[in-house]
Structures are given as C-alpha cells and as structure tokens.
Amino acid sequence: MPSARKNPKPEPPGQVIDFDEGVVQSCPPAMREELEAEIAMLTGAFASTDDPATLERMARSLTLTSGDDQGQRLHARRLASMLRLRARGVLPAKD
C-alpha cells in the first residue's frame, strides 16, 4: 500500500476577520468621517449614553428597516457596523 503523500509546506492558519471591522475598513477615510458624524447625531438624538445594548438595538433597527433602495441598505449597513464596533469598544466615541 502506498504511503500517504506528505505536504512539504504546512498550510498557514486561517485568519478570522470581523465582518463589521471589514465593512468599516473598506470605507474611504472621508466616508468614515461622515459616518462617524452621522453616528454622533444618531446617538445624541436616540441614545442618552454609549450603552452597548442601546447601540446594538440601534444597529439592529438600521439593518431591519433600511428600505428597498440598495444604496440606502448599504449606507444603513455601514452605520450599523460602526454602531456595533462602538458597542464593543472597538470604535471610540467622537466628541
């Protein structure tokens, strides 16, 4: 019986990428600044603090009610990703 073929190079370990971080990092810097300003307005109007549970609910609401327009859905997903990152403490609040 032939022996099993041995791979001379081991496979590198897989990399886990956070979806929300990937969405935010794919935005150009100017767009990120605009999204951060919009998030500051949203959280100022609808969240009294940066409570993670409140930010998560806001993100969920944005993704559920983003409408039929593809551009609006994409914008809502970007905002939701930024809100979830802020809820996890990855994205600091802008003053």
Protein backbone atom coordinates (compact mmCIF):
# COMPACT_ATOMS: atom_id res chain seq x y z
CA MET A 1 0.00 0.00 0.00
CA PRO A 2 1.47 3.40 -0.95
CA SER A 3 2.23 5.82 1.84
CA ALA A 4 0.18 8.97 2.27
CA ARG A 5 1.56 11.96 0.46
CA LYS A 6 3.17 14.44 2.80
CA ASN A 7 2.78 18.11 2.15
CA PRO A 8 6.23 19.74 2.32
CA LYS A 9 4.71 23.11 3.26
CA PRO A 10 2.15 23.22 6.03
CA GLU A 11 -0.91 25.34 5.35
CA PRO A 12 -0.87 28.70 7.14
CA PRO A 13 -3.53 29.05 9.80
CA GLY A 14 -6.77 30.70 8.67
CA GLN A 15 -7.44 34.26 9.61
CA VAL A 16 -10.69 35.27 11.25
CA ILE A 17 -11.92 38.64 10.04
CA ASP A 18 -14.57 40.56 11.89
CA PHE A 19 -17.32 41.47 9.42
CA ASP A 20 -18.04 44.87 10.97
CA GLU A 21 -14.37 45.83 11.01
CA GLY A 22 -14.08 44.74 7.38
CA VAL A 23 -17.07 46.88 6.39
CA VAL A 24 -15.67 49.94 8.14
CA GLN A 25 -12.13 49.42 6.86
CA SER A 26 -13.43 49.14 3.30
CA CYS A 27 -14.77 52.71 3.51
CA PRO A 28 -12.52 55.55 2.36
CA PRO A 29 -11.35 57.85 5.20
CA ALA A 30 -13.64 60.71 4.16
CA MET A 31 -16.67 58.38 4.20
CA ARG A 32 -15.70 57.08 7.66
CA GLU A 33 -15.59 60.65 8.95
CA GLU A 34 -19.07 61.31 7.51
CA LEU A 35 -20.40 58.09 9.04
CA GLU A 36 -18.87 58.96 12.41
CA ALA A 37 -20.53 62.38 12.30
CA GLU A 38 -23.87 60.78 11.44
CA ILE A 39 -23.46 58.29 14.28
CA ALA A 40 -22.72 61.12 16.68
CA MET A 41 -26.01 62.76 15.64
CA LEU A 42 -27.95 59.49 15.90
CA THR A 43 -26.58 58.56 19.30
CA GLY A 44 -27.08 62.11 20.55
CA ALA A 45 -30.73 62.01 19.49
CA PHE A 46 -31.66 58.41 20.33
CA ALA A 47 -29.21 57.22 22.99
CA SER A 48 -28.52 59.07 26.22
CA THR A 49 -25.24 57.18 26.68
CA ASP A 50 -22.98 54.86 24.73
CA ASP A 51 -24.68 51.90 26.41
CA PRO A 52 -23.70 48.81 24.38
CA ALA A 53 -27.20 47.31 24.47
CA THR A 54 -28.72 50.55 23.15
CA LEU A 55 -26.14 50.80 20.37
CA GLU A 56 -26.76 47.16 19.40
CA ARG A 57 -30.53 47.82 19.23
CA MET A 58 -29.94 50.87 17.05
CA ALA A 59 -27.72 48.81 14.73
CA ARG A 60 -30.32 46.04 14.52
CA SER A 61 -33.04 48.58 13.75
CA LEU A 62 -30.96 50.10 10.95
CA THR A 63 -30.39 46.77 9.28
CA LEU A 64 -34.04 45.72 9.57
CA THR A 65 -35.60 48.94 8.26
CA SER A 66 -33.15 50.00 5.56
CA GLY A 67 -35.72 50.06 2.74
CA ASP A 68 -35.63 48.72 -0.80
CA ASP A 69 -33.01 51.06 -2.26
CA GLN A 70 -29.65 49.28 -2.48
CA GLY A 71 -27.73 52.48 -1.74
CA GLN A 72 -29.77 53.10 1.41
CA ARG A 73 -29.27 49.50 2.55
CA LEU A 74 -25.52 49.78 2.07
CA HIS A 75 -25.41 53.05 4.00
CA ALA A 76 -27.52 51.55 6.80
CA ARG A 77 -25.21 48.51 6.98
CA ARG A 78 -22.16 50.74 7.27
CA LEU A 79 -23.79 52.75 10.05
CA ALA A 80 -24.85 49.55 11.81
CA SER A 81 -21.32 48.15 11.60
CA MET A 82 -19.91 51.31 13.14
CA LEU A 83 -22.53 51.23 15.90
CA ARG A 84 -21.70 47.60 16.71
CA LEU A 85 -17.97 48.41 16.83
CA ARG A 86 -18.69 51.28 19.20
CA ALA A 87 -20.86 48.99 21.32
CA ARG A 88 -17.90 46.59 21.61
CA GLY A 89 -15.50 49.42 22.44
CA VAL A 90 -13.50 48.95 19.22
CA LEU A 91 -14.55 52.31 17.78
CA PRO A 92 -14.26 55.14 20.32
CA ALA A 93 -16.94 57.82 20.51
CA LYS A 94 -16.03 61.10 18.82
CA ASP A 95 -16.52 64.22 20.89
